[in-house]
C-alpha atoms as a PDB file:
ATOM      1  CA  MET A   1      -2.661  57.842-102.297  1.00  0.00           C
ATOM      2  CA  LYS A   2      -4.992  58.566-105.183  1.00  0.00           C
ATOM      3  CA  ARG A   3      -3.768  58.685-108.758  1.00  0.00           C
ATOM      4  CA  PHE A   4      -2.908  61.911-110.550  1.00  0.00           C
ATOM      5  CA  PRO A   5      -5.358  62.630-113.404  1.00  0.00           C
ATOM      6  CA  SER A   6      -3.075  62.443-116.425  1.00  0.00           C
ATOM      7  CA  VAL A   7      -3.308  61.539-120.095  1.00  0.00           C
ATOM      8  CA  LYS A   8      -1.047  58.575-120.762  1.00  0.00           C
ATOM      9  CA  LYS A   9      -2.261  56.811-123.909  1.00  0.00           C
ATOM     10  CA  ASN A  10      -0.880  57.819-127.282  1.00  0.00           C
ATOM     11  CA  THR A  11      -4.389  57.656-128.786  1.00  0.00           C
ATOM     12  CA  ASP A  12      -5.596  60.294-126.310  1.00  0.00           C
ATOM     13  CA  PHE A  13      -2.668  62.547-127.229  1.00  0.00           C
ATOM     14  CA  GLN A  14      -3.376  62.079-130.941  1.00  0.00           C
ATOM     15  CA  LYS A  15      -7.081  62.877-130.506  1.00  0.00           C
ATOM     16  CA  ALA A  16      -6.174  66.074-128.671  1.00  0.00           C
ATOM     17  CA  TYR A  17      -3.692  67.097-131.370  1.00  0.00           C
ATOM     18  CA  GLN A  18      -6.141  66.397-134.207  1.00  0.00           C
ATOM     19  CA  GLN A  19      -9.514  67.371-132.706  1.00  0.00           C
ATOM     20  CA  GLY A  20      -8.506  69.780-129.957  1.00  0.00           C
ATOM     21  CA  VAL A  21      -8.105  73.534-130.089  1.00  0.00           C
ATOM     22  CA  SER A  22      -4.602  74.934-129.683  1.00  0.00           C
ATOM     23  CA  ALA A  23      -3.117  78.169-128.421  1.00  0.00           C
ATOM     24  CA  ALA A  24       0.502  79.041-127.760  1.00  0.00           C
ATOM     25  CA  ASN A  25       2.828  81.521-126.121  1.00  0.00           C
ATOM     26  CA  ALA A  26       6.607  81.691-125.722  1.00  0.00           C
ATOM     27  CA  GLU A  27       6.825  78.916-123.082  1.00  0.00           C
ATOM     28  CA  LEU A  28       3.987  76.490-123.859  1.00  0.00           C
ATOM     29  CA  VAL A  29       1.600  75.184-126.492  1.00  0.00           C
ATOM     30  CA  MET A  30      -1.763  74.067-125.075  1.00  0.00           C
ATOM     31  CA  TYR A  31      -4.252  71.743-126.750  1.00  0.00           C
ATOM     32  CA  VAL A  32      -7.690  71.444-125.126  1.00  0.00           C
ATOM     33  CA  ARG A  33     -10.315  68.806-125.899  1.00  0.00           C
ATOM     34  CA  LYS A  34     -13.468  67.666-124.078  1.00  0.00           C
ATOM     35  CA  ASN A  35     -12.924  64.198-122.612  1.00  0.00           C
ATOM     36  CA  GLY A  36     -16.420  63.160-121.521  1.00  0.00           C
ATOM     37  CA  LEU A  37     -15.310  62.518-117.933  1.00  0.00           C
ATOM     38  CA  ASP A  38     -16.284  64.379-114.767  1.00  0.00           C
ATOM     39  CA  TYR A  39     -12.685  65.476-114.125  1.00  0.00           C
ATOM     40  CA  SER A  40      -9.926  67.148-116.103  1.00  0.00           C
ATOM     41  CA  ARG A  41      -6.660  65.482-117.082  1.00  0.00           C
ATOM     42  CA  ILE A  42      -3.258  66.801-118.108  1.00  0.00           C
ATOM     43  CA  GLY A  43      -0.722  65.430-120.555  1.00  0.00           C
ATOM     44  CA  ILE A  44       2.792  66.819-120.882  1.00  0.00           C
ATOM     45  CA  SER A  45       5.030  66.510-123.923  1.00  0.00           C
ATOM     46  CA  CYS A  46       8.636  67.591-123.521  1.00  0.00           C
ATOM     47  CA  SER A  47      11.095  66.757-126.308  1.00  0.00           C
ATOM     48  CA  LYS A  48      14.822  66.142-126.040  1.00  0.00           C
ATOM     49  CA  LYS A  49      15.417  69.565-127.600  1.00  0.00           C
ATOM     50  CA  ILE A  50      14.462  71.086-124.232  1.00  0.00           C
ATOM     51  CA  GLY A  51      17.373  69.503-122.387  1.00  0.00           C
ATOM     52  CA  ASN A  52      18.527  66.354-120.689  1.00  0.00           C
ATOM     53  CA  SER A  53      16.253  64.113-118.632  1.00  0.00           C
ATOM     54  CA  VAL A  54      16.774  66.138-115.457  1.00  0.00           C
ATOM     55  CA  VAL A  55      15.562  69.319-117.155  1.00  0.00           C
ATOM     56  CA  ARG A  56      12.630  67.570-118.851  1.00  0.00           C
ATOM     57  CA  HIS A  57      11.426  65.889-115.669  1.00  0.00           C
ATOM     58  CA  THR A  58      11.797  69.121-113.711  1.00  0.00           C
ATOM     59  CA  MET A  59       9.563  70.849-116.252  1.00  0.00           C
ATOM     60  CA  ALA A  60       7.012  68.040-116.049  1.00  0.00           C
ATOM     61  CA  ARG A  61       6.956  68.217-112.234  1.00  0.00           C
ATOM     62  CA  LYS A  62       6.478  71.993-112.326  1.00  0.00           C
ATOM     63  CA  LEU A  63       3.618  71.724-114.818  1.00  0.00           C
ATOM     64  CA  ARG A  64       1.890  68.963-112.829  1.00  0.00           C
ATOM     65  CA  GLU A  65       2.126  71.113-109.699  1.00  0.00           C
ATOM     66  CA  ILE A  66       0.746  74.154-111.542  1.00  0.00           C
ATOM     67  CA  PHE A  67      -2.146  72.000-112.801  1.00  0.00           C
ATOM     68  CA  ARG A  68      -2.780  70.599-109.311  1.00  0.00           C
ATOM     69  CA  THR A  69      -2.794  73.980-107.560  1.00  0.00           C
ATOM     70  CA  ASN A  70      -5.076  75.584-110.167  1.00  0.00           C
ATOM     71  CA  ILE A  71      -7.458  72.654-110.767  1.00  0.00           C
ATOM     72  CA  GLN A  72     -10.305  74.311-108.838  1.00  0.00           C
ATOM     73  CA  CYS A  73     -10.465  77.242-111.282  1.00  0.00           C
ATOM     74  CA  ILE A  74     -10.337  75.101-114.451  1.00  0.00           C
ATOM     75  CA  GLU A  75     -13.422  73.716-116.164  1.00  0.00           C
ATOM     76  CA  ARG A  76     -14.122  70.025-115.523  1.00  0.00           C
ATOM     77  CA  GLY A  77     -14.156  67.387-118.235  1.00  0.00           C
ATOM     78  CA  VAL A  78     -11.302  68.550-120.452  1.00  0.00           C
ATOM     79  CA  ASP A  79      -8.003  67.049-121.527  1.00  0.00           C
ATOM     80  CA  ILE A  80      -5.187  69.594-121.436  1.00  0.00           C
ATOM     81  CA  ILE A  81      -2.084  68.698-123.429  1.00  0.00           C
ATOM     82  CA  LEU A  82       0.949  70.903-122.803  1.00  0.00           C
ATOM     83  CA  VAL A  83       3.889  70.960-125.203  1.00  0.00           C
ATOM     84  CA  VAL A  84       6.921  72.558-123.580  1.00  0.00           C
ATOM     85  CA  ARG A  85       8.953  75.010-125.645  1.00  0.00           C
ATOM     86  CA  LYS A  86      12.677  75.707-125.301  1.00  0.00           C
ATOM     87  CA  LYS A  87      12.180  79.066-123.548  1.00  0.00           C
ATOM     88  CA  ALA A  88      10.369  77.363-120.655  1.00  0.00           C
ATOM     89  CA  SER A  89      13.536  75.575-119.543  1.00  0.00           C
ATOM     90  CA  CYS A  90      15.109  78.889-118.488  1.00  0.00           C
ATOM     91  CA  SER A  91      11.892  80.422-117.093  1.00  0.00           C
ATOM     92  CA  THR A  92      10.978  80.605-113.416  1.00  0.00           C
ATOM     93  CA  TYR A  93       8.067  78.745-111.843  1.00  0.00           C
ATOM     94  CA  GLN A  94       6.057  81.981-111.649  1.00  0.00           C
ATOM     95  CA  GLN A  95       6.617  82.737-115.335  1.00  0.00           C
ATOM     96  CA  ILE A  96       5.510  79.244-116.334  1.00  0.00           C
ATOM     97  CA  GLU A  97       2.435  79.472-114.111  1.00  0.00           C
ATOM     98  CA  LYS A  98       1.553  82.845-115.631  1.00  0.00           C
ATOM     99  CA  ALA A  99       1.942  81.375-119.142  1.00  0.00           C
ATOM    100  CA  TYR A 100      -0.277  78.391-118.189  1.00  0.00           C
ATOM    101  CA  LEU A 101      -3.042  80.588-116.770  1.00  0.00           C
ATOM    102  CA  ASN A 102      -2.812  82.895-119.784  1.00  0.00           C
ATOM    103  CA  LEU A 103      -3.414  79.944-122.108  1.00  0.00           C
ATOM    104  CA  CYS A 104      -6.291  78.711-119.949  1.00  0.00           C
ATOM    105  CA  ASN A 105      -7.905  82.145-120.243  1.00  0.00           C
ATOM    106  CA  ARG A 106      -7.415  82.138-124.007  1.00  0.00           C
ATOM    107  CA  HIS A 107      -9.140  78.734-124.195  1.00  0.00           C
ATOM    108  CA  HIS A 108     -12.011  80.014-122.012  1.00  0.00           C
ATOM    109  CA  ILE A 109     -11.732  77.088-119.580  1.00  0.00           C
ATOM    110  CA  VAL A 110     -11.340  79.219-116.454  1.00  0.00           C
ATOM    111  CA  VAL A 111     -14.317  79.003-114.101  1.00  0.00           C
ATOM    112  CA  ASP A 112     -15.379  81.927-111.920  1.00  0.00           C
ATOM    113  CA  LEU A 113     -15.158  80.981-108.242  1.00  0.00           C
ATOM    114  CA  LYS A 114     -18.081  82.925-106.766  1.00  0.00           C
END
């Protein structure tokens, strides 16, 4: 099984927060930064304010799945950091996916599949 492309190091998170471009909506805050690689990575930050560990890990699994299913329409070579907001914990999968794609469009990292 191949590894999931994720941001794990604190230095990578800090670079994205400081040098990346951010956009937000009610469910998510998205930071985007070029990573110099030939593939995109995702990092998820979910604080204890969102809920207990079950809720936080459920949100992380949903966001990883949304990233995985939409990877073909996202530009390559970017780090995407997602900060989960409180409203996302009571949102459906479809609402979170819509919020994610909305933020991707606002960052202009969506690629036309023609």
